Amino acid sequence: MAYVDGYVLAVPKSNVEKYREVASIAGRVWREHGALEYRECVAEDVKPGELTSFPQSVLLKPDETVIFAWIVFESRAKRDEINAKVMNDPRLKDLMSEENPICDMKRMIFGGFETLVAV
């Protein structure tokens, strides 16, 4: 079954269009290297919860929005192989510069998941 990398992060609302540009390039790079699917979604109906929520998970500030993203791979082995290529791809080197960050990467939540159900 497929393997999925998932991400949740906070992006300043003023940077959403710049983030879209970067994510579009990143998505093409991942797909070119073999990812089966690449999605980046911006919060539209996401409210703070009493105990947990997407906004709370990334310590969302009033001027930020939540991005929920995932990349689908054939397997974990393929994910590892593809991600190694992506991390060395020169097209991504300058996209997320430390001098001009699009978001606070320290608050990003991410992980790899085996598919449990696919219908």
PDB file of N, CA and C in Angstrom:
ATOM      1  N   MET A   1       0.836  -1.193   0.000  1.00  0.00           N
ATOM      2  CA  MET A   1       0.000   0.000   0.000  1.00  0.00           C
ATOM      3  C   MET A   1       0.870   1.242   0.000  1.00  0.00           C
ATOM      4  N   ALA A   2       0.264   2.345  -0.369  1.00  0.00           N
ATOM      5  CA  ALA A   2       0.983   3.615  -0.470  1.00  0.00           C
ATOM      6  C   ALA A   2       1.499   4.078   0.893  1.00  0.00           C
ATOM      7  N   TYR A   3       2.502   4.931   0.838  1.00  0.00           N
ATOM      8  CA  TYR A   3       3.093   5.542   2.017  1.00  0.00           C
ATOM      9  C   TYR A   3       2.895   7.048   1.879  1.00  0.00           C
ATOM     10  N   VAL A   4       2.558   7.722   2.984  1.00  0.00           N
ATOM     11  CA  VAL A   4       2.215   9.144   2.933  1.00  0.00           C
ATOM     12  C   VAL A   4       3.054   9.932   3.931  1.00  0.00           C
ATOM     13  N   ASP A   5       3.645  11.020   3.465  1.00  0.00           N
ATOM     14  CA  ASP A   5       4.244  12.009   4.355  1.00  0.00           C
ATOM     15  C   ASP A   5       3.206  13.092   4.568  1.00  0.00           C
ATOM     16  N   GLY A   6       2.937  13.451   5.828  1.00  0.00           N
ATOM     17  CA  GLY A   6       1.957  14.482   6.140  1.00  0.00           C
ATOM     18  C   GLY A   6       2.597  15.650   6.859  1.00  0.00           C
ATOM     19  N   TYR A   7       2.033  16.841   6.638  1.00  0.00           N
ATOM     20  CA  TYR A   7       2.582  18.076   7.201  1.00  0.00           C
ATOM     21  C   TYR A   7       1.456  18.997   7.662  1.00  0.00           C
ATOM     22  N   VAL A   8       1.683  19.702   8.758  1.00  0.00           N
ATOM     23  CA  VAL A   8       0.809  20.780   9.206  1.00  0.00           C
ATOM     24  C   VAL A   8       1.730  21.921   9.605  1.00  0.00           C
ATOM     25  N   LEU A   9       1.472  23.119   9.089  1.00  0.00           N
ATOM     26  CA  LEU A   9       2.323  24.260   9.421  1.00  0.00           C
ATOM     27  C   LEU A   9       1.524  25.548   9.397  1.00  0.00           C
ATOM     28  N   ALA A  10       2.082  26.556  10.024  1.00  0.00           N
ATOM     29  CA  ALA A  10       1.473  27.884  10.069  1.00  0.00           C
ATOM     30  C   ALA A  10       2.203  28.786   9.086  1.00  0.00           C
ATOM     31  N   VAL A  11       1.429  29.519   8.288  1.00  0.00           N
ATOM     32  CA  VAL A  11       2.001  30.449   7.320  1.00  0.00           C
ATOM     33  C   VAL A  11       1.346  31.811   7.537  1.00  0.00           C
ATOM     34  N   PRO A  12       2.145  32.879   7.618  1.00  0.00           N
ATOM     35  CA  PRO A  12       1.527  34.204   7.712  1.00  0.00           C
ATOM     36  C   PRO A  12       0.585  34.437   6.528  1.00  0.00           C
ATOM     37  N   LYS A  13      -0.581  34.993   6.808  1.00  0.00           N
ATOM     38  CA  LYS A  13      -1.557  35.238   5.744  1.00  0.00           C
ATOM     39  C   LYS A  13      -0.947  36.080   4.624  1.00  0.00           C
ATOM     40  N   SER A  14      -0.063  36.986   4.984  1.00  0.00           N
ATOM     41  CA  SER A  14       0.575  37.841   3.977  1.00  0.00           C
ATOM     42  C   SER A  14       1.533  37.065   3.070  1.00  0.00           C
ATOM     43  N   ASN A  15       1.886  35.844   3.443  1.00  0.00           N
ATOM     44  CA  ASN A  15       2.820  35.037   2.653  1.00  0.00           C
ATOM     45  C   ASN A  15       2.155  33.876   1.920  1.00  0.00           C
ATOM     46  N   VAL A  16       0.835  33.776   1.972  1.00  0.00           N
ATOM     47  CA  VAL A  16       0.169  32.619   1.375  1.00  0.00           C
ATOM     48  C   VAL A  16       0.445  32.525  -0.129  1.00  0.00           C
ATOM     49  N   GLU A  17       0.404  33.626  -0.848  1.00  0.00           N
ATOM     50  CA  GLU A  17       0.659  33.567  -2.290  1.00  0.00           C
ATOM     51  C   GLU A  17       2.106  33.171  -2.573  1.00  0.00           C
ATOM     52  N   LYS A  18       3.043  33.691  -1.815  1.00  0.00           N
ATOM     53  CA  LYS A  18       4.446  33.290  -1.981  1.00  0.00           C
ATOM     54  C   LYS A  18       4.595  31.807  -1.642  1.00  0.00           C
ATOM     55  N   TYR A  19       3.929  31.362  -0.583  1.00  0.00           N
ATOM     56  CA  TYR A  19       3.971  29.944  -0.220  1.00  0.00           C
ATOM     57  C   TYR A  19       3.405  29.096  -1.360  1.00  0.00           C
ATOM     58  N   ARG A  20       2.326  29.545  -1.989  1.00  0.00           N
ATOM     59  CA  ARG A  20       1.726  28.819  -3.116  1.00  0.00           C
ATOM     60  C   ARG A  20       2.744  28.673  -4.253  1.00  0.00           C
ATOM     61  N   GLU A  21       3.468  29.738  -4.542  1.00  0.00           N
ATOM     62  CA  GLU A  21       4.484  29.690  -5.598  1.00  0.00           C
ATOM     63  C   GLU A  21       5.559  28.651  -5.277  1.00  0.00           C
ATOM     64  N   VAL A  22       6.056  28.692  -4.045  1.00  0.00           N
ATOM     65  CA  VAL A  22       7.095  27.754  -3.619  1.00  0.00           C
ATOM     66  C   VAL A  22       6.552  26.320  -3.635  1.00  0.00           C
ATOM     67  N   ALA A  23       5.352  26.122  -3.115  1.00  0.00           N
ATOM     68  CA  ALA A  23       4.752  24.787  -3.061  1.00  0.00           C
ATOM     69  C   ALA A  23       4.501  24.240  -4.461  1.00  0.00           C
ATOM     70  N   SER A  24       4.141  25.100  -5.399  1.00  0.00           N
ATOM     71  CA  SER A  24       3.924  24.652  -6.774  1.00  0.00           C
ATOM     72  C   SER A  24       5.212  24.112  -7.386  1.00  0.00           C
ATOM     73  N   ILE A  25       6.307  24.807  -7.152  1.00  0.00           N
ATOM     74  CA  ILE A  25       7.606  24.340  -7.645  1.00  0.00           C
ATOM     75  C   ILE A  25       7.994  23.053  -6.928  1.00  0.00           C
ATOM     76  N   ALA A  26       7.857  23.048  -5.605  1.00  0.00           N
ATOM     77  CA  ALA A  26       8.211  21.856  -4.826  1.00  0.00           C
ATOM     78  C   ALA A  26       7.391  20.652  -5.273  1.00  0.00           C
ATOM     79  N   GLY A  27       6.110  20.858  -5.517  1.00  0.00           N
ATOM     80  CA  GLY A  27       5.252  19.771  -5.962  1.00  0.00           C
ATOM     81  C   GLY A  27       5.710  19.185  -7.285  1.00  0.00           C
ATOM     82  N   ARG A  28       6.089  20.059  -8.217  1.00  0.00           N
ATOM     83  CA  ARG A  28       6.596  19.570  -9.509  1.00  0.00           C
ATOM     84  C   ARG A  28       7.874  18.759  -9.313  1.00  0.00           C
ATOM     85  N   VAL A  29       8.744  19.231  -8.418  1.00  0.00           N
ATOM     86  CA  VAL A  29      10.008  18.527  -8.165  1.00  0.00           C
ATOM     87  C   VAL A  29       9.726  17.149  -7.575  1.00  0.00           C
ATOM     88  N   TRP A  30       8.866  17.075  -6.557  1.00  0.00           N
ATOM     89  CA  TRP A  30       8.536  15.775  -5.950  1.00  0.00           C
ATOM     90  C   TRP A  30       7.943  14.830  -6.986  1.00  0.00           C
ATOM     91  N   ARG A  31       7.010  15.345  -7.799  1.00  0.00           N
ATOM     92  CA  ARG A  31       6.377  14.488  -8.810  1.00  0.00           C
ATOM     93  C   ARG A  31       7.392  14.016  -9.846  1.00  0.00           C
ATOM     94  N   GLU A  32       8.276  14.912 -10.285  1.00  0.00           N
ATOM     95  CA  GLU A  32       9.300  14.523 -11.263  1.00  0.00           C
ATOM     96  C   GLU A  32      10.213  13.426 -10.733  1.00  0.00           C
ATOM     97  N   HIS A  33      10.442  13.438  -9.423  1.00  0.00           N
ATOM     98  CA  HIS A  33      11.314  12.427  -8.822  1.00  0.00           C
ATOM     99  C   HIS A  33      10.553  11.152  -8.445  1.00  0.00           C
ATOM    100  N   GLY A  34       9.225  11.123  -8.649  1.00  0.00           N
ATOM    101  CA  GLY A  34       8.502   9.878  -8.465  1.00  0.00           C
ATOM    102  C   GLY A  34       7.356   9.868  -7.474  1.00  0.00           C
ATOM    103  N   ALA A  35       7.093  10.976  -6.778  1.00  0.00           N
ATOM    104  CA  ALA A  35       5.933  11.003  -5.871  1.00  0.00           C
ATOM    105  C   ALA A  35       4.658  10.793  -6.690  1.00  0.00           C
ATOM    106  N   LEU A  36       3.713  10.063  -6.135  1.00  0.00           N
ATOM    107  CA  LEU A  36       2.465   9.770  -6.834  1.00  0.00           C
ATOM    108  C   LEU A  36       1.466  10.920  -6.753  1.00  0.00           C
ATOM    109  N   GLU A  37       1.511  11.665  -5.663  1.00  0.00           N
ATOM    110  CA  GLU A  37       0.561  12.762  -5.448  1.00  0.00           C
ATOM    111  C   GLU A  37       1.201  13.778  -4.514  1.00  0.00           C
ATOM    112  N   TYR A  38       0.869  15.051  -4.719  1.00  0.00           N
ATOM    113  CA  TYR A  38       1.381  16.135  -3.885  1.00  0.00           C
ATOM    114  C   TYR A  38       0.242  17.121  -3.684  1.00  0.00           C
ATOM    115  N   ARG A  39      -0.128  17.374  -2.434  1.00  0.00           N
ATOM    116  CA  ARG A  39      -1.225  18.300  -2.128  1.00  0.00           C
ATOM    117  C   ARG A  39      -0.805  19.275  -1.040  1.00  0.00           C
ATOM    118  N   GLU A  40      -1.192  20.530  -1.221  1.00  0.00           N
ATOM    119  CA  GLU A  40      -1.016  21.577  -0.213  1.00  0.00           C
ATOM    120  C   GLU A  40      -2.369  22.265  -0.083  1.00  0.00           C
ATOM    121  N   CYS A  41      -2.907  22.318   1.126  1.00  0.00           N
ATOM    122  CA  CYS A  41      -4.244  22.873   1.354  1.00  0.00           C
ATOM    123  C   CYS A  41      -4.164  23.983   2.403  1.00  0.00           C
ATOM    124  N   VAL A  42      -4.924  25.044   2.179  1.00  0.00           N
ATOM    125  CA  VAL A  42      -4.973  26.155   3.129  1.00  0.00           C
ATOM    126  C   VAL A  42      -6.276  26.062   3.929  1.00  0.00           C
ATOM    127  N   ALA A  43      -6.197  26.359   5.216  1.00  0.00           N
ATOM    128  CA  ALA A  43      -7.357  26.254   6.108  1.00  0.00           C
ATOM    129  C   ALA A  43      -8.501  27.127   5.615  1.00  0.00           C
ATOM    130  N   GLU A  44      -9.707  26.553   5.678  1.00  0.00           N
ATOM    131  CA  GLU A  44     -10.902  27.272   5.280  1.00  0.00           C
ATOM    132  C   GLU A  44     -11.964  27.163   6.377  1.00  0.00           C
ATOM    133  N   ASP A  45     -12.036  26.005   7.012  1.00  0.00           N
ATOM    134  CA  ASP A  45     -12.987  25.784   8.096  1.00  0.00           C
ATOM    135  C   ASP A  45     -12.248  25.047   9.213  1.00  0.00           C
ATOM    136  N   VAL A  46     -11.375  25.774   9.900  1.00  0.00           N
ATOM    137  CA  VAL A  46     -10.518  25.191  10.938  1.00  0.00           C
ATOM    138  C   VAL A  46     -10.620  26.081  12.174  1.00  0.00           C
ATOM    139  N   LYS A  47     -11.216  25.526  13.220  1.00  0.00           N
ATOM    140  CA  LYS A  47     -11.431  26.304  14.436  1.00  0.00           C
ATOM    141  C   LYS A  47     -10.568  25.764  15.578  1.00  0.00           C
ATOM    142  N   PRO A  48     -10.204  26.618  16.509  1.00  0.00           N
ATOM    143  CA  PRO A  48      -9.501  26.122  17.703  1.00  0.00           C
ATOM    144  C   PRO A  48     -10.406  25.180  18.484  1.00  0.00           C
ATOM    145  N   GLY A  49      -9.827  24.148  19.049  1.00  0.00           N
ATOM    146  CA  GLY A  49     -10.592  23.200  19.838  1.00  0.00           C
ATOM    147  C   GLY A  49     -10.456  23.478  21.323  1.00  0.00           C
ATOM    148  N   GLU A  50     -11.119  22.687  22.131  1.00  0.00           N
ATOM    149  CA  GLU A  50     -10.991  22.834  23.574  1.00  0.00           C
ATOM    150  C   GLU A  50      -9.682  22.240  24.068  1.00  0.00           C
ATOM    151  N   LEU A  51      -9.291  21.107  23.499  1.00  0.00           N
ATOM    152  CA  LEU A  51      -8.038  20.454  23.899  1.00  0.00           C
ATOM    153  C   LEU A  51      -6.995  20.467  22.797  1.00  0.00           C
ATOM    154  N   THR A  52      -7.409  20.105  21.585  1.00  0.00           N
ATOM    155  CA  THR A  52      -6.480  20.061  20.458  1.00  0.00           C
ATOM    156  C   THR A  52      -7.167  20.544  19.190  1.00  0.00           C
ATOM    157  N   SER A  53      -6.371  20.958  18.229  1.00  0.00           N
ATOM    158  CA  SER A  53      -6.881  21.386  16.927  1.00  0.00           C
ATOM    159  C   SER A  53      -5.685  21.682  16.039  1.00  0.00           C
ATOM    160  N   PHE A  54      -5.956  21.865  14.760  1.00  0.00           N
ATOM    161  CA  PHE A  54      -4.883  22.265  13.860  1.00  0.00           C
ATOM    162  C   PHE A  54      -4.263  23.597  14.296  1.00  0.00           C
ATOM    163  N   PRO A  55      -5.064  24.640  14.604  1.00  0.00           N
ATOM    164  CA  PRO A  55      -4.450  25.899  15.039  1.00  0.00           C
ATOM    165  C   PRO A  55      -3.576  25.738  16.297  1.00  0.00           C
ATOM    166  N   GLN A  56      -4.051  24.971  17.257  1.00  0.00           N
ATOM    167  CA  GLN A  56      -3.274  24.785  18.479  1.00  0.00           C
ATOM    168  C   GLN A  56      -2.004  23.983  18.222  1.00  0.00           C
ATOM    169  N   SER A  57      -2.064  23.046  17.299  1.00  0.00           N
ATOM    170  CA  SER A  57      -0.912  22.179  17.054  1.00  0.00           C
ATOM    171  C   SER A  57       0.294  22.954  16.541  1.00  0.00           C
ATOM    172  N   VAL A  58       0.061  24.061  15.826  1.00  0.00           N
ATOM    173  CA  VAL A  58       1.170  24.855  15.277  1.00  0.00           C
ATOM    174  C   VAL A  58       1.326  26.195  15.981  1.00  0.00           C
ATOM    175  N   LEU A  59       0.656  26.342  17.132  1.00  0.00           N
ATOM    176  CA  LEU A  59       0.708  27.599  17.890  1.00  0.00           C
ATOM    177  C   LEU A  59       0.365  28.788  16.991  1.00  0.00           C
ATOM    178  N   LEU A  60      -0.761  28.663  16.297  1.00  0.00           N
ATOM    179  CA  LEU A  60      -1.183  29.642  15.306  1.00  0.00           C
ATOM    180  C   LEU A  60      -1.328  31.039  15.916  1.00  0.00           C
ATOM    181  N   LYS A  61      -0.778  32.029  15.236  1.00  0.00           N
ATOM    182  CA  LYS A  61      -0.896  33.435  15.624  1.00  0.00           C
ATOM    183  C   LYS A  61      -2.053  34.064  14.846  1.00  0.00           C
ATOM    184  N   PRO A  62      -2.599  35.185  15.331  1.00  0.00           N
ATOM    185  CA  PRO A  62      -3.770  35.795  14.674  1.00  0.00           C
ATOM    186  C   PRO A  62      -3.561  36.145  13.202  1.00  0.00           C
ATOM    187  N   ASP A  63      -2.330  36.450  12.803  1.00  0.00           N
ATOM    188  CA  ASP A  63      -2.068  36.848  11.419  1.00  0.00           C
ATOM    189  C   ASP A  63      -1.638  35.674  10.533  1.00  0.00           C
ATOM    190  N   GLU A  64      -1.864  34.437  10.999  1.00  0.00           N
ATOM    191  CA  GLU A  64      -1.430  33.251  10.268  1.00  0.00           C
ATOM    192  C   GLU A  64      -2.619  32.366   9.893  1.00  0.00           C
ATOM    193  N   THR A  65      -2.362  31.434   8.982  1.00  0.00           N
ATOM    194  CA  THR A  65      -3.331  30.412   8.618  1.00  0.00           C
ATOM    195  C   THR A  65      -2.628  29.058   8.631  1.00  0.00           C
ATOM    196  N   VAL A  66      -3.421  28.009   8.669  1.00  0.00           N
ATOM    197  CA  VAL A  66      -2.876  26.650   8.716  1.00  0.00           C
ATOM    198  C   VAL A  66      -2.780  26.082   7.298  1.00  0.00           C
ATOM    199  N   ILE A  67      -1.668  25.422   7.026  1.00  0.00           N
ATOM    200  CA  ILE A  67      -1.487  24.655   5.794  1.00  0.00           C
ATOM    201  C   ILE A  67      -1.443  23.186   6.185  1.00  0.00           C
ATOM    202  N   PHE A  68      -2.207  22.373   5.473  1.00  0.00           N
ATOM    203  CA  PHE A  68      -2.248  20.931   5.659  1.00  0.00           C
ATOM    204  C   PHE A  68      -1.798  20.323   4.337  1.00  0.00           C
ATOM    205  N   ALA A  69      -0.770  19.485   4.371  1.00  0.00           N
ATOM    206  CA  ALA A  69      -0.199  18.973   3.129  1.00  0.00           C
ATOM    207  C   ALA A  69       0.151  17.502   3.253  1.00  0.00           C
ATOM    208  N   TRP A  70       0.200  16.834   2.084  1.00  0.00           N
ATOM    209  CA  TRP A  70       0.640  15.446   2.076  1.00  0.00           C
ATOM    210  C   TRP A  70       1.237  15.102   0.728  1.00  0.00           C
ATOM    211  N   ILE A  71       2.124  14.117   0.774  1.00  0.00           N
ATOM    212  CA  ILE A  71       2.759  13.588  -0.428  1.00  0.00           C
ATOM    213  C   ILE A  71       2.595  12.075  -0.379  1.00  0.00           C
ATOM    214  N   VAL A  72       2.154  11.493  -1.487  1.00  0.00           N
ATOM    215  CA  VAL A  72       1.916  10.055  -1.554  1.00  0.00           C
ATOM    216  C   VAL A  72       3.033   9.393  -2.358  1.00  0.00           C
ATOM    217  N   PHE A  73       3.513   8.267  -1.817  1.00  0.00           N
ATOM    218  CA  PHE A  73       4.584   7.497  -2.440  1.00  0.00           C
ATOM    219  C   PHE A  73       4.142   6.045  -2.593  1.00  0.00           C
ATOM    220  N   GLU A  74       4.801   5.333  -3.452  1.00  0.00           N
ATOM    221  CA  GLU A  74       4.515   3.916  -3.655  1.00  0.00           C
ATOM    222  C   GLU A  74       4.774   3.100  -2.391  1.00  0.00           C
ATOM    223  N   SER A  75       5.839   3.451  -1.657  1.00  0.00           N
ATOM    224  CA  SER A  75       6.236   2.720  -0.450  1.00  0.00           C
ATOM    225  C   SER A  75       7.166   3.604   0.365  1.00  0.00           C
ATOM    226  N   ARG A  76       7.489   3.156   1.584  1.00  0.00           N
ATOM    227  CA  ARG A  76       8.436   3.920   2.389  1.00  0.00           C
ATOM    228  C   ARG A  76       9.815   3.921   1.732  1.00  0.00           C
ATOM    229  N   ALA A  77      10.208   2.795   1.152  1.00  0.00           N
ATOM    230  CA  ALA A  77      11.513   2.728   0.482  1.00  0.00           C
ATOM    231  C   ALA A  77      11.572   3.741  -0.661  1.00  0.00           C
ATOM    232  N   LYS A  78      10.486   3.825  -1.449  1.00  0.00           N
ATOM    233  CA  LYS A  78      10.447   4.808  -2.538  1.00  0.00           C
ATOM    234  C   LYS A  78      10.439   6.222  -1.976  1.00  0.00           C
ATOM    235  N   ARG A  79       9.720   6.434  -0.874  1.00  0.00           N
ATOM    236  CA  ARG A  79       9.715   7.756  -0.235  1.00  0.00           C
ATOM    237  C   ARG A  79      11.121   8.167   0.135  1.00  0.00           C
ATOM    238  N   ASP A  80      11.865   7.268   0.783  1.00  0.00           N
ATOM    239  CA  ASP A  80      13.224   7.583   1.199  1.00  0.00           C
ATOM    240  C   ASP A  80      14.110   7.904  -0.001  1.00  0.00           C
ATOM    241  N   GLU A  81      13.966   7.120  -1.058  1.00  0.00           N
ATOM    242  CA  GLU A  81      14.743   7.328  -2.288  1.00  0.00           C
ATOM    243  C   GLU A  81      14.390   8.668  -2.942  1.00  0.00           C
ATOM    244  N   ILE A  82      13.103   8.948  -3.060  1.00  0.00           N
ATOM    245  CA  ILE A  82      12.640  10.181  -3.697  1.00  0.00           C
ATOM    246  C   ILE A  82      13.021  11.398  -2.866  1.00  0.00           C
ATOM    247  N   ASN A  83      12.805  11.338  -1.554  1.00  0.00           N
ATOM    248  CA  ASN A  83      13.143  12.483  -0.705  1.00  0.00           C
ATOM    249  C   ASN A  83      14.632  12.801  -0.746  1.00  0.00           C
ATOM    250  N   ALA A  84      15.486  11.788  -0.841  1.00  0.00           N
ATOM    251  CA  ALA A  84      16.931  12.032  -0.952  1.00  0.00           C
ATOM    252  C   ALA A  84      17.231  12.818  -2.229  1.00  0.00           C
ATOM    253  N   LYS A  85      16.576  12.460  -3.327  1.00  0.00           N
ATOM    254  CA  LYS A  85      16.766  13.183  -4.591  1.00  0.00           C
ATOM    255  C   LYS A  85      16.234  14.610  -4.493  1.00  0.00           C
ATOM    256  N   VAL A  86      15.055  14.749  -3.885  1.00  0.00           N
ATOM    257  CA  VAL A  86      14.436  16.068  -3.761  1.00  0.00           C
ATOM    258  C   VAL A  86      15.316  16.996  -2.932  1.00  0.00           C
ATOM    259  N   MET A  87      15.846  16.501  -1.830  1.00  0.00           N
ATOM    260  CA  MET A  87      16.665  17.344  -0.957  1.00  0.00           C
ATOM    261  C   MET A  87      17.956  17.800  -1.633  1.00  0.00           C
ATOM    262  N   ASN A  88      18.386  17.095  -2.664  1.00  0.00           N
ATOM    263  CA  ASN A  88      19.581  17.484  -3.414  1.00  0.00           C
ATOM    264  C   ASN A  88      19.257  18.198  -4.716  1.00  0.00           C
ATOM    265  N   ASP A  89      17.990  18.422  -4.985  1.00  0.00           N
ATOM    266  CA  ASP A  89      17.592  19.076  -6.225  1.00  0.00           C
ATOM    267  C   ASP A  89      17.886  20.576  -6.128  1.00  0.00           C
ATOM    268  N   PRO A  90      18.664  21.119  -7.065  1.00  0.00           N
ATOM    269  CA  PRO A  90      19.040  22.535  -6.986  1.00  0.00           C
ATOM    270  C   PRO A  90      17.862  23.498  -7.072  1.00  0.00           C
ATOM    271  N   ARG A  91      16.745  23.062  -7.645  1.00  0.00           N
ATOM    272  CA  ARG A  91      15.580  23.959  -7.745  1.00  0.00           C
ATOM    273  C   ARG A  91      14.994  24.291  -6.383  1.00  0.00           C
ATOM    274  N   LEU A  92      15.244  23.464  -5.382  1.00  0.00           N
ATOM    275  CA  LEU A  92      14.676  23.714  -4.054  1.00  0.00           C
ATOM    276  C   LEU A  92      15.651  24.416  -3.118  1.00  0.00           C
ATOM    277  N   LYS A  93      16.903  24.460  -3.469  1.00  0.00           N
ATOM    278  CA  LYS A  93      17.928  25.024  -2.571  1.00  0.00           C
ATOM    279  C   LYS A  93      17.621  26.456  -2.163  1.00  0.00           C
ATOM    280  N   ASP A  94      17.187  27.300  -3.099  1.00  0.00           N
ATOM    281  CA  ASP A  94      16.991  28.716  -2.814  1.00  0.00           C
ATOM    282  C   ASP A  94      15.551  29.086  -2.459  1.00  0.00           C
ATOM    283  N   LEU A  95      14.637  28.132  -2.524  1.00  0.00           N
ATOM    284  CA  LEU A  95      13.229  28.459  -2.292  1.00  0.00           C
ATOM    285  C   LEU A  95      12.934  28.864  -0.854  1.00  0.00           C
ATOM    286  N   MET A  96      13.546  28.201   0.088  1.00  0.00           N
ATOM    287  CA  MET A  96      13.261  28.462   1.495  1.00  0.00           C
ATOM    288  C   MET A  96      14.506  29.030   2.159  1.00  0.00           C
ATOM    289  N   SER A  97      14.859  30.255   1.817  1.00  0.00           N
ATOM    290  CA  SER A  97      16.073  30.847   2.367  1.00  0.00           C
ATOM    291  C   SER A  97      15.862  31.242   3.825  1.00  0.00           C
ATOM    292  N   GLU A  98      16.893  31.075   4.618  1.00  0.00           N
ATOM    293  CA  GLU A  98      16.821  31.460   6.027  1.00  0.00           C
ATOM    294  C   GLU A  98      16.774  32.975   6.181  1.00  0.00           C
ATOM    295  N   GLU A  99      17.265  33.703   5.193  1.00  0.00           N
ATOM    296  CA  GLU A  99      17.264  35.169   5.257  1.00  0.00           C
ATOM    297  C   GLU A  99      15.857  35.736   5.029  1.00  0.00           C
ATOM    298  N   ASN A 100      15.041  35.017   4.274  1.00  0.00           N
ATOM    299  CA  ASN A 100      13.701  35.495   3.947  1.00  0.00           C
ATOM    300  C   ASN A 100      12.698  34.345   4.078  1.00  0.00           C
ATOM    301  N   PRO A 101      12.451  33.893   5.313  1.00  0.00           N
ATOM    302  CA  PRO A 101      11.575  32.724   5.493  1.00  0.00           C
ATOM    303  C   PRO A 101      10.114  33.037   5.157  1.00  0.00           C
ATOM    304  N   ILE A 102       9.437  32.041   4.599  1.00  0.00           N
ATOM    305  CA  ILE A 102       8.016  32.178   4.286  1.00  0.00           C
ATOM    306  C   ILE A 102       7.178  31.842   5.511  1.00  0.00           C
ATOM    307  N   CYS A 103       7.716  30.951   6.369  1.00  0.00           N
ATOM    308  CA  CYS A 103       6.999  30.535   7.568  1.00  0.00           C
ATOM    309  C   CYS A 103       8.019  30.058   8.602  1.00  0.00           C
ATOM    310  N   ASP A 104       7.541  29.812   9.807  1.00  0.00           N
ATOM    311  CA  ASP A 104       8.389  29.327  10.892  1.00  0.00           C
ATOM    312  C   ASP A 104       8.427  27.804  10.842  1.00  0.00           C
ATOM    313  N   MET A 105       9.462  27.261  10.232  1.00  0.00           N
ATOM    314  CA  MET A 105       9.575  25.823  10.044  1.00  0.00           C
ATOM    315  C   MET A 105       9.709  25.067  11.374  1.00  0.00           C
ATOM    316  N   LYS A 106      10.074  25.751  12.438  1.00  0.00           N
ATOM    317  CA  LYS A 106      10.200  25.096  13.746  1.00  0.00           C
ATOM    318  C   LYS A 106       8.845  24.650  14.285  1.00  0.00           C
ATOM    319  N   ARG A 107       7.766  25.259  13.789  1.00  0.00           N
ATOM    320  CA  ARG A 107       6.424  24.891  14.252  1.00  0.00           C
ATOM    321  C   ARG A 107       5.734  23.909  13.310  1.00  0.00           C
ATOM    322  N   MET A 108       6.449  23.439  12.290  1.00  0.00           N
ATOM    323  CA  MET A 108       5.862  22.469  11.368  1.00  0.00           C
ATOM    324  C   MET A 108       5.819  21.097  12.033  1.00  0.00           C
ATOM    325  N   ILE A 109       4.701  20.406  11.838  1.00  0.00           N
ATOM    326  CA  ILE A 109       4.539  19.036  12.320  1.00  0.00           C
ATOM    327  C   ILE A 109       4.562  18.145  11.089  1.00  0.00           C
ATOM    328  N   PHE A 110       5.315  17.061  11.148  1.00  0.00           N
ATOM    329  CA  PHE A 110       5.389  16.187   9.977  1.00  0.00           C
ATOM    330  C   PHE A 110       5.687  14.761  10.398  1.00  0.00           C
ATOM    331  N   GLY A 111       5.385  13.848   9.518  1.00  0.00           N
ATOM    332  CA  GLY A 111       5.681  12.447   9.783  1.00  0.00           C
ATOM    333  C   GLY A 111       5.296  11.584   8.608  1.00  0.00           C
ATOM    334  N   GLY A 112       5.765  10.337   8.641  1.00  0.00           N
ATOM    335  CA  GLY A 112       5.468   9.370   7.599  1.00  0.00           C
ATOM    336  C   GLY A 112       4.446   8.356   8.088  1.00  0.00           C
ATOM    337  N   PHE A 113       3.522   7.969   7.210  1.00  0.00           N
ATOM    338  CA  PHE A 113       2.412   7.116   7.593  1.00  0.00           C
ATOM    339  C   PHE A 113       2.200   5.994   6.579  1.00  0.00           C
ATOM    340  N   GLU A 114       1.973   4.790   7.085  1.00  0.00           N
ATOM    341  CA  GLU A 114       1.546   3.682   6.242  1.00  0.00           C
ATOM    342  C   GLU A 114       0.046   3.827   6.023  1.00  0.00           C
ATOM    343  N   THR A 115      -0.398   3.504   4.834  1.00  0.00           N
ATOM    344  CA  THR A 115      -1.831   3.569   4.535  1.00  0.00           C
ATOM    345  C   THR A 115      -2.550   2.454   5.291  1.00  0.00           C
ATOM    346  N   LEU A 116      -3.591   2.818   5.997  1.00  0.00           N
ATOM    347  CA  LEU A 116      -4.403   1.855   6.750  1.00  0.00           C
ATOM    348  C   LEU A 116      -5.641   1.423   5.954  1.00  0.00           C
ATOM    349  N   VAL A 117      -6.273   2.420   5.312  1.00  0.00           N
ATOM    350  CA  VAL A 117      -7.467   2.163   4.499  1.00  0.00           C
ATOM    351  C   VAL A 117      -7.364   3.002   3.242  1.00  0.00           C
ATOM    352  N   ALA A 118      -7.681   2.416   2.109  1.00  0.00           N
ATOM    353  CA  ALA A 118      -7.748   3.148   0.837  1.00  0.00           C
ATOM    354  C   ALA A 118      -8.970   2.642   0.088  1.00  0.00           C
ATOM    355  N   VAL A 119      -9.958   3.518  -0.124  1.00  0.00           N
ATOM    356  CA  VAL A 119     -11.179   3.096  -0.820  1.00  0.00           C
ATOM    357  C   VAL A 119     -11.390   3.925  -2.076  1.00  0.00           C
TER     358      VAL A 119
END
